[in-house]
Amino acid sequence: MTTTSFQLNRGEEVPFVFRDVAAPQRQPATPSEWFARRFPAEVKRWGCPFLEAVVEDVQTGRKLVSAVSMNCSFLAAALSDSQLGHSVVFFEPEQQWYFLEPRDGCYHPTTEAKLMILLSSLLVRCAEEMPASVDKINLFVKFRDDVQMKAVVKQARSILAADSTFFSPTGPNRQAKATDQPTQTARRFIQSTVKPQADQHLSISDCYAGFEGYCRNNGVEPVAKKAFRQMIVEIIREEFGLGLRADMKNTKGRFERGWKGLAVESAGRG
């Protein structure tokens, strides 16, 4: 016979110097304790990393702990760790992620896909360092799927948001010189104008036509259609989890490449 209880466990408060190593008394015994030790400031502000279930065998007294639900706010905040000098921001005017590169002291563009990889690797490391008394399946499988990762990164847009003053000429934060402006423009176009529409489909041609209008309205020279196609396939995959299809028919009955369930709503200013 077993009993099940639930806990919100922050563990012991460990001095900063011990956060990445085992403290003298004991190692973290649950996923929440593992993350809380490495991100103490985030725990204080956003709460316990996971809701954990504790299943106890009544006869033997043995317990099995498993993380059953993520605190998305905590994990979103953990993507940027000021105590280690690891700074990540979502720069709202550009709808673009940036990370601080210590080698030059500048903020460089990054992608949501890379942030998802960072979070995924933290979950794997946590699972690897858990004792046998912890069920690791959710850490290694459920929490690392695209739906869960995207939910965290989506929330991080608000938690790690930076407004137009962040890169102020008189401020301390320096923005690296743009080397991939066409990709940034394409990403802003997708984020601001392409929306899910269950009964619609979006061809590459229609998408590019919308992009040209978006560029005109924002005073930007659009890249050639071939270059746009190469960029947009990956961006749409990151933003909507959709791959390019070749089985859609246009009004003339001809097959064309594009995406089902998307539509361009407008081509206004970004």
Protein backbone atom coordinates (compact mmCIF):
# COMPACT_ATOMS: atom_id res chain seq x y z
CA MET A 1 0.00 0.00 0.00
CA THR A 2 1.22 3.49 -0.84
CA THR A 3 0.25 7.03 0.04
CA THR A 4 0.78 10.14 -2.08
CA SER A 5 1.37 13.66 -0.86
CA PHE A 6 2.49 16.85 -2.57
CA GLN A 7 5.15 19.34 -1.55
CA LEU A 8 6.61 22.71 -2.47
CA ASN A 9 10.17 22.22 -1.34
CA ARG A 10 12.75 25.01 -1.54
CA GLY A 11 15.34 23.03 0.39
CA GLU A 12 18.03 24.66 2.51
CA GLU A 13 19.30 28.12 1.73
CA VAL A 14 22.89 27.58 0.61
CA PRO A 15 25.56 30.31 0.46
CA PHE A 16 26.29 31.51 -3.07
CA VAL A 17 29.82 30.01 -3.10
CA PHE A 18 28.34 26.51 -2.70
CA ARG A 19 25.54 26.81 -5.26
CA ASP A 20 27.27 24.72 -7.98
CA VAL A 21 28.83 22.14 -5.68
CA ALA A 22 27.64 19.92 -2.91
CA ALA A 23 27.30 21.83 0.33
CA PRO A 24 29.06 20.22 3.30
CA GLN A 25 25.84 18.90 4.83
CA ARG A 26 24.21 17.08 1.89
CA GLN A 27 23.47 17.16 -1.82
CA PRO A 28 20.06 18.23 -3.19
CA ALA A 29 17.58 15.38 -2.78
CA THR A 30 14.79 16.60 -5.08
CA PRO A 31 14.54 18.54 -8.37
CA SER A 32 13.26 21.64 -6.58
CA GLU A 33 16.21 21.59 -4.19
CA TRP A 34 18.63 21.22 -7.13
CA PHE A 35 17.27 24.26 -8.97
CA ALA A 36 16.78 26.28 -5.79
CA ARG A 37 20.44 25.87 -4.89
CA ARG A 38 21.59 27.15 -8.27
CA PHE A 39 19.08 29.98 -8.58
CA PRO A 40 18.42 31.24 -5.03
CA ALA A 41 17.44 34.78 -6.08
CA GLU A 42 14.84 33.43 -8.52
CA VAL A 43 13.35 31.15 -5.84
CA LYS A 44 12.94 34.08 -3.46
CA ARG A 45 11.11 36.10 -6.08
CA TRP A 46 9.16 33.53 -8.09
CA GLY A 47 8.69 30.62 -5.68
CA CYS A 48 9.38 26.91 -5.66
CA PRO A 49 10.67 25.48 -9.00
CA PHE A 50 8.36 22.43 -9.07
CA LEU A 51 5.33 20.90 -7.44
CA GLU A 52 6.59 17.51 -6.31
CA ALA A 53 4.69 14.31 -5.55
CA VAL A 54 5.94 12.02 -2.79
CA VAL A 55 4.79 8.40 -3.01
CA GLU A 56 5.52 6.46 0.19
CA ASP A 57 5.38 2.71 0.71
CA VAL A 58 3.53 2.34 4.00
CA GLN A 59 5.21 -0.97 4.91
CA THR A 60 8.83 -0.09 4.11
CA GLY A 61 8.73 3.68 4.54
CA ARG A 62 10.53 4.14 1.21
CA LYS A 63 9.68 7.31 -0.68
CA LEU A 64 9.76 8.12 -4.39
CA VAL A 65 9.78 11.82 -5.29
CA SER A 66 8.81 13.13 -8.71
CA ALA A 67 8.39 16.62 -10.16
CA VAL A 68 4.84 16.72 -11.52
CA SER A 69 4.40 20.39 -12.53
CA MET A 70 6.79 23.20 -13.46
CA ASN A 71 6.75 26.73 -12.11
CA CYS A 72 7.11 28.43 -15.50
CA SER A 73 7.80 31.82 -13.94
CA PHE A 74 10.77 30.49 -11.99
CA LEU A 75 12.26 28.65 -14.98
CA ALA A 76 11.73 31.66 -17.23
CA ALA A 77 13.60 33.89 -14.78
CA ALA A 78 16.38 31.29 -14.49
CA LEU A 79 17.26 31.82 -18.16
CA SER A 80 19.01 35.00 -17.03
CA ASP A 81 21.28 34.67 -13.99
CA SER A 82 22.78 37.97 -12.89
CA GLN A 83 24.76 36.38 -10.05
CA LEU A 84 26.85 34.50 -12.60
CA GLY A 85 26.95 37.42 -15.02
CA HIS A 86 24.68 35.53 -17.44
CA SER A 87 22.25 38.15 -18.71
CA VAL A 88 19.45 37.49 -21.21
CA VAL A 89 16.81 40.05 -22.20
CA PHE A 90 13.87 40.25 -24.57
CA PHE A 91 14.28 43.66 -26.24
CA GLU A 92 10.68 44.68 -26.88
CA PRO A 93 11.23 47.38 -29.54
CA GLU A 94 12.81 44.74 -31.82
CA GLN A 95 10.92 41.70 -30.49
CA GLN A 96 14.38 40.13 -30.27
CA TRP A 97 16.27 38.11 -27.66
CA TYR A 98 19.77 39.25 -26.63
CA PHE A 99 22.44 37.69 -24.41
CA LEU A 100 25.47 39.34 -22.83
CA GLU A 101 28.75 38.13 -24.32
CA PRO A 102 31.43 38.51 -21.59
CA ARG A 103 34.28 38.58 -24.12
CA ASP A 104 33.27 41.95 -25.56
CA GLY A 105 30.77 43.17 -22.97
CA CYS A 106 28.05 43.56 -25.63
CA TYR A 107 24.59 42.10 -26.02
CA HIS A 108 24.27 39.84 -29.07
CA PRO A 109 21.07 38.54 -30.70
CA THR A 110 20.00 35.00 -29.91
CA THR A 111 16.93 32.86 -30.64
CA GLU A 112 14.18 31.19 -28.67
CA ALA A 113 15.42 27.84 -29.96
CA LYS A 114 18.77 28.40 -28.25
CA LEU A 115 17.06 29.40 -25.00
CA MET A 116 15.01 26.20 -25.17
CA ILE A 117 18.24 24.22 -25.56
CA LEU A 118 19.70 25.98 -22.51
CA LEU A 119 16.68 25.13 -20.38
CA SER A 120 16.57 21.58 -21.71
CA SER A 121 20.22 21.04 -20.77
CA LEU A 122 19.54 22.26 -17.22
CA LEU A 123 16.73 19.73 -16.85
CA VAL A 124 18.98 16.93 -18.12
CA ARG A 125 21.76 17.88 -15.73
CA CYS A 126 19.29 17.94 -12.86
CA ALA A 127 18.00 14.46 -13.77
CA GLU A 128 21.55 13.11 -13.97
CA GLU A 129 22.41 14.36 -10.48
CA MET A 130 19.27 13.13 -8.74
CA PRO A 131 19.47 10.14 -6.36
CA ALA A 132 17.63 6.85 -6.94
CA SER A 133 14.78 8.08 -4.73
CA VAL A 134 13.71 10.51 -7.49
CA ASP A 135 11.64 9.54 -10.53
CA LYS A 136 13.41 11.25 -13.43
CA ILE A 137 10.95 10.63 -16.27
CA ASN A 138 9.27 14.06 -16.22
CA LEU A 139 12.60 15.88 -15.98
CA PHE A 140 14.01 14.02 -18.95
CA VAL A 141 10.94 13.64 -21.16
CA LYS A 142 7.74 15.57 -20.32
CA PHE A 143 9.25 18.91 -19.28
CA ARG A 144 11.68 18.93 -22.23
CA ASP A 145 9.10 18.60 -25.02
CA ASP A 146 8.50 21.57 -27.31
CA VAL A 147 5.16 22.51 -25.77
CA GLN A 148 6.62 22.83 -22.27
CA MET A 149 9.78 24.61 -23.44
CA LYS A 150 7.82 27.12 -25.54
CA ALA A 151 5.50 27.85 -22.61
CA VAL A 152 8.49 28.81 -20.45
CA VAL A 153 10.17 30.93 -23.14
CA LYS A 154 6.88 32.66 -23.95
CA GLN A 155 6.50 33.67 -20.31
CA ALA A 156 10.14 34.76 -20.26
CA ARG A 157 9.29 37.44 -22.82
CA SER A 158 7.45 39.32 -20.08
CA ILE A 159 9.71 38.44 -17.16
CA LEU A 160 12.94 39.31 -18.99
CA ALA A 161 11.51 42.19 -21.05
CA ALA A 162 13.65 45.26 -21.72
CA ASP A 163 12.22 48.51 -23.10
CA SER A 164 13.78 51.07 -25.42
CA THR A 165 15.89 52.58 -22.63
CA PHE A 166 17.86 49.37 -22.14
CA PHE A 167 20.28 50.22 -24.96
CA SER A 168 20.25 53.95 -24.27
CA PRO A 169 23.44 55.71 -25.53
CA THR A 170 24.03 57.01 -22.00
CA GLY A 171 23.31 53.67 -20.31
CA PRO A 172 25.66 50.81 -19.36
CA ASN A 173 24.31 48.24 -21.86
CA ARG A 174 25.90 48.01 -25.28
CA GLN A 175 24.24 46.42 -28.26
CA ALA A 176 26.50 44.53 -30.66
CA LYS A 177 26.52 45.88 -34.18
CA ALA A 178 23.84 44.10 -36.16
CA THR A 179 25.27 41.48 -38.49
CA ASP A 180 22.03 39.68 -39.27
CA GLN A 181 19.55 42.50 -39.82
CA PRO A 182 17.52 40.71 -42.56
CA THR A 183 16.84 37.78 -40.22
CA GLN A 184 15.81 40.12 -37.41
CA THR A 185 13.45 41.97 -39.76
CA ALA A 186 11.92 38.68 -40.94
CA ARG A 187 11.44 37.53 -37.36
CA ARG A 188 9.72 40.77 -36.37
CA PHE A 189 7.47 40.45 -39.42
CA ILE A 190 6.43 36.93 -38.42
CA GLN A 191 5.88 37.83 -34.77
CA SER A 192 3.81 40.92 -35.51
CA THR A 193 1.77 39.95 -38.58
CA VAL A 194 1.53 36.17 -39.00
CA LYS A 195 -1.14 34.62 -36.78
CA PRO A 196 -2.71 31.15 -36.35
CA GLN A 197 -5.88 30.72 -38.42
CA ALA A 198 -7.22 27.17 -38.35
CA ASP A 199 -9.08 27.37 -41.67
CA GLN A 200 -6.35 29.20 -43.62
CA HIS A 201 -3.09 28.34 -45.30
CA LEU A 202 -0.12 30.55 -46.03
CA SER A 203 1.98 30.03 -49.13
CA ILE A 204 5.58 31.18 -49.40
CA SER A 205 4.51 33.61 -52.14
CA ASP A 206 1.77 35.18 -50.00
CA CYS A 207 4.11 35.32 -47.03
CA TYR A 208 6.75 37.12 -49.08
CA ALA A 209 4.18 39.57 -50.44
CA GLY A 210 3.21 40.43 -46.86
CA PHE A 211 6.88 40.77 -45.96
CA GLU A 212 7.44 43.24 -48.82
CA GLY A 213 4.55 45.37 -47.53
CA TYR A 214 5.90 45.20 -44.00
CA CYS A 215 9.33 46.35 -45.19
CA ARG A 216 7.85 49.26 -47.17
CA ASN A 217 5.88 50.42 -44.15
CA ASN A 218 8.99 50.30 -41.98
CA GLY A 219 11.44 51.84 -44.43
CA VAL A 220 13.47 48.65 -44.85
CA GLU A 221 14.76 47.14 -48.08
CA PRO A 222 13.39 43.55 -48.36
CA VAL A 223 15.77 40.71 -49.14
CA ALA A 224 15.27 38.63 -52.29
CA LYS A 225 12.55 35.99 -52.20
CA LYS A 226 15.04 33.09 -52.26
CA ALA A 227 16.92 34.43 -49.24
CA PHE A 228 13.62 35.14 -47.48
CA ARG A 229 12.45 31.56 -48.01
CA GLN A 230 15.64 30.17 -46.46
CA MET A 231 15.19 32.33 -43.35
CA ILE A 232 11.45 32.06 -42.89
CA VAL A 233 11.20 28.27 -42.78
CA GLU A 234 13.25 28.05 -39.59
CA ILE A 235 11.63 31.12 -38.01
CA ILE A 236 8.11 29.71 -38.49
CA ARG A 237 9.26 26.38 -37.11
CA GLU A 238 10.56 28.13 -33.98
CA GLU A 239 7.53 30.39 -33.52
CA PHE A 240 4.69 28.00 -34.39
CA GLY A 241 6.22 24.50 -34.47
CA LEU A 242 5.17 24.05 -38.11
CA GLY A 243 7.22 22.59 -40.92
CA LEU A 244 7.03 23.60 -44.59
CA ARG A 245 4.51 21.57 -46.58
CA ALA A 246 4.21 20.93 -50.30
CA ASP A 247 0.68 19.49 -50.45
CA MET A 248 -1.40 22.67 -50.54
CA LYS A 249 -3.38 23.76 -53.58
CA ASN A 250 -3.86 27.35 -54.64
CA THR A 251 -6.97 28.80 -56.30
CA LYS A 252 -5.75 27.49 -59.67
CA GLY A 253 -5.51 23.93 -58.39
CA ARG A 254 -1.72 23.90 -58.40
CA PHE A 255 0.35 22.56 -55.54
CA GLU A 256 2.46 25.08 -53.68
CA ARG A 257 4.71 25.18 -50.63
CA GLY A 258 3.57 26.79 -47.41
CA TRP A 259 2.00 26.24 -44.01
CA LYS A 260 -1.49 25.21 -42.96
CA GLY A 261 -3.19 27.06 -40.15
CA LEU A 262 -1.42 30.42 -40.64
CA ALA A 263 -2.37 33.73 -42.23
CA VAL A 264 -0.88 37.20 -42.65
CA GLU A 265 -3.15 39.59 -40.75
CA SER A 266 -1.50 42.88 -41.60
CA ALA A 267 1.72 44.43 -42.85
CA GLY A 268 1.92 47.40 -40.54
CA ARG A 269 4.79 48.91 -38.67
CA GLY A 270 6.88 46.66 -36.48
